[in-house]
C-alpha cells in the first residue's frame, strides 16, 4: 500500500536538509518504496563520542530525521505538517566507522498522530539500534 501524499524524490528530500543538522551529520536519503524510506549516515568525527564509537544521540538524530521526513511525506503539505512528540531508542551494538542505515516504516498513520519504526543497521545489516518515533500531525493555519 502506497503511503506517500507527496511525490517522492531523493534530490528534493536532500534539499529539505540543507543548512540543518541533517547536512552537518552527513545524512543522505538513499531509497524509498511504497511504505518505507531509507537514509544513511557516516560514522566519523561528526557522529562519534569520545570513546571512538558512534554517539547514542547520533542514532536518535538519524532515526528522527528519516522518521520525521517520512511522516511529513504522508500528509498533504499544504494543509498539515508533522512534529516529533517522543522518540525511544534501544542501542543494540556499537560501531566505530562506516555507514549506518535508518529504515523507517509506519506502525500507525492517524489523523492526529503517527507512530514509526526506525531500524538502524550497519553495512552488514546488523542492528545498531531500534527506534520508535511518535509524531503529531498539525494543521497549518
Protein backbone atom coordinates (compact mmCIF):
# COMPACT_ATOMS: atom_id res chain seq x y z
CA UNK A 1 0.00 0.00 0.00
CA UNK A 2 1.45 3.35 -1.07
CA UNK A 3 1.51 5.81 1.86
CA UNK A 4 3.04 8.93 0.32
CA UNK A 5 0.96 12.09 -0.19
CA UNK A 6 3.78 13.92 -1.99
CA UNK A 7 5.92 12.96 -4.95
CA UNK A 8 8.89 11.07 -3.54
CA UNK A 9 12.12 12.37 -4.99
CA UNK A 10 15.56 11.82 -3.40
CA UNK A 11 17.05 15.16 -4.58
CA UNK A 12 14.06 17.06 -3.14
CA UNK A 13 14.45 15.22 0.17
CA UNK A 14 18.15 16.18 0.16
CA UNK A 15 17.28 19.84 -0.44
CA UNK A 16 14.99 19.77 2.60
CA UNK A 17 18.01 19.18 4.85
CA UNK A 18 20.29 21.94 3.51
CA UNK A 19 21.86 24.12 6.23
CA UNK A 20 20.48 21.94 9.04
CA UNK A 21 21.74 19.24 11.40
CA UNK A 22 20.84 16.74 8.65
CA UNK A 23 23.50 18.19 6.36
CA UNK A 24 26.01 18.66 9.19
CA UNK A 25 25.73 14.97 10.20
CA UNK A 26 26.15 13.85 6.57
CA UNK A 27 22.73 12.19 6.38
CA UNK A 28 21.65 11.21 2.86
CA UNK A 29 18.35 9.72 1.72
CA UNK A 30 19.12 6.66 -0.37
CA UNK A 31 15.93 4.75 -1.15
CA UNK A 32 12.18 4.67 -0.78
CA UNK A 33 9.39 2.26 -1.64
CA UNK A 34 5.62 2.27 -1.30
CA UNK A 35 5.81 2.19 2.51
CA UNK A 36 9.41 2.86 3.59
CA UNK A 37 12.19 5.45 3.50
CA UNK A 38 15.92 4.79 4.00
CA UNK A 39 18.70 7.22 4.85
CA UNK A 40 22.35 6.64 5.66
CA UNK A 41 24.76 8.46 7.96
CA UNK A 42 28.55 8.21 8.19
CA UNK A 43 30.19 7.19 11.42
CA UNK A 44 33.02 9.73 11.59
CA UNK A 45 34.27 12.70 13.62
CA UNK A 46 30.80 14.31 13.44
CA UNK A 47 28.92 11.34 14.88
CA UNK A 48 31.39 9.68 17.28
CA UNK A 49 31.63 10.14 21.04
CA UNK A 50 34.96 10.39 22.94
CA UNK A 51 35.35 6.58 23.21
CA UNK A 52 35.53 6.39 19.41
CA UNK A 53 32.14 4.74 18.86
CA UNK A 54 29.01 6.28 17.36
CA UNK A 55 27.30 8.60 19.83
CA UNK A 56 23.91 7.32 21.00
CA UNK A 57 22.44 10.72 20.22
CA UNK A 58 23.57 10.28 16.61
CA UNK A 59 21.28 7.23 16.38
CA UNK A 60 18.44 9.45 17.58
CA UNK A 61 19.36 12.12 15.02
CA UNK A 62 19.24 9.60 12.18
CA UNK A 63 16.03 8.00 13.46
CA UNK A 64 14.27 11.33 13.94
CA UNK A 65 15.48 12.57 10.55
CA UNK A 66 14.29 9.60 8.50
CA UNK A 67 11.10 9.12 10.55
CA UNK A 68 10.02 12.76 10.58
CA UNK A 69 10.82 13.19 6.90
CA UNK A 70 8.72 10.13 6.10
CA UNK A 71 5.91 11.39 8.35
CA UNK A 72 5.81 14.73 6.55
CA UNK A 73 5.63 12.96 3.20
CA UNK A 74 2.46 11.14 4.39
CA UNK A 75 0.37 14.29 4.78
CA UNK A 76 -0.86 16.99 2.41
CA UNK A 77 1.87 19.63 2.95
CA UNK A 78 -0.49 22.48 2.11
CA UNK A 79 -2.81 21.50 4.98
CA UNK A 80 -0.62 19.68 7.53
CA UNK A 81 2.88 19.21 8.94
CA UNK A 82 4.28 16.72 11.45
CA UNK A 83 6.44 17.29 14.52
CA UNK A 84 8.06 14.85 16.92
CA UNK A 85 6.36 14.01 20.22
CA UNK A 86 8.54 11.19 21.53
CA UNK A 87 11.44 9.03 20.47
CA UNK A 88 12.55 5.80 22.10
CA UNK A 89 15.89 4.23 21.21
CA UNK A 90 17.35 0.89 22.27
CA UNK A 91 21.07 0.62 21.49
CA UNK A 92 21.99 -2.90 20.39
CA UNK A 93 25.55 -2.78 19.03
CA UNK A 94 28.32 -0.19 18.79
CA UNK A 95 30.06 0.88 15.60
CA UNK A 96 33.35 2.74 15.04
CA UNK A 97 33.37 3.51 11.31
CA UNK A 98 31.49 3.08 8.07
CA UNK A 99 27.86 3.91 7.49
CA UNK A 100 24.66 3.24 9.37
CA UNK A 101 21.30 2.96 7.62
CA UNK A 102 17.93 4.00 9.01
CA UNK A 103 14.84 2.24 7.63
CA UNK A 104 11.57 3.96 8.55
CA UNK A 105 8.22 2.16 8.27
CA UNK A 106 4.93 3.21 9.84
CA UNK A 107 3.10 1.33 12.57
CA UNK A 108 0.22 3.83 12.55
CA UNK A 109 -0.76 6.72 10.27
CA UNK A 110 -3.63 8.50 12.00
CA UNK A 111 -5.31 11.87 11.63
CA UNK A 112 -3.61 13.36 14.69
CA UNK A 113 -0.63 11.06 15.35
CA UNK A 114 1.74 8.76 13.52
CA UNK A 115 3.97 6.07 15.01
CA UNK A 116 7.09 4.94 13.14
CA UNK A 117 9.60 2.12 13.46
CA UNK A 118 13.16 3.04 12.51
CA UNK A 119 15.69 0.21 12.39
CA UNK A 120 19.30 1.35 12.25
CA UNK A 121 21.75 -1.20 10.88
CA UNK A 122 25.39 -1.32 9.83
CA UNK A 123 26.66 -2.27 6.39
CA UNK A 124 26.36 -5.97 7.33
CA UNK A 125 22.66 -5.41 8.16
CA UNK A 126 23.32 -5.99 11.89
CA UNK A 127 21.18 -3.94 14.27
CA UNK A 128 22.83 -0.87 15.78
CA UNK A 129 19.60 0.40 17.34
CA UNK A 130 15.85 0.04 17.16
CA UNK A 131 13.74 3.15 17.48
CA UNK A 132 10.11 4.15 17.83
CA UNK A 133 9.11 7.69 16.88
CA UNK A 134 5.72 9.26 17.65
CA UNK A 135 4.74 12.25 15.53
CA UNK A 136 1.93 14.76 15.96
CA UNK A 137 0.07 15.84 12.84
CA UNK A 138 -0.51 19.61 12.98
CA UNK A 139 -2.91 21.65 10.88
CA UNK A 140 -1.45 24.62 9.01
CA UNK A 141 -3.21 27.88 9.80
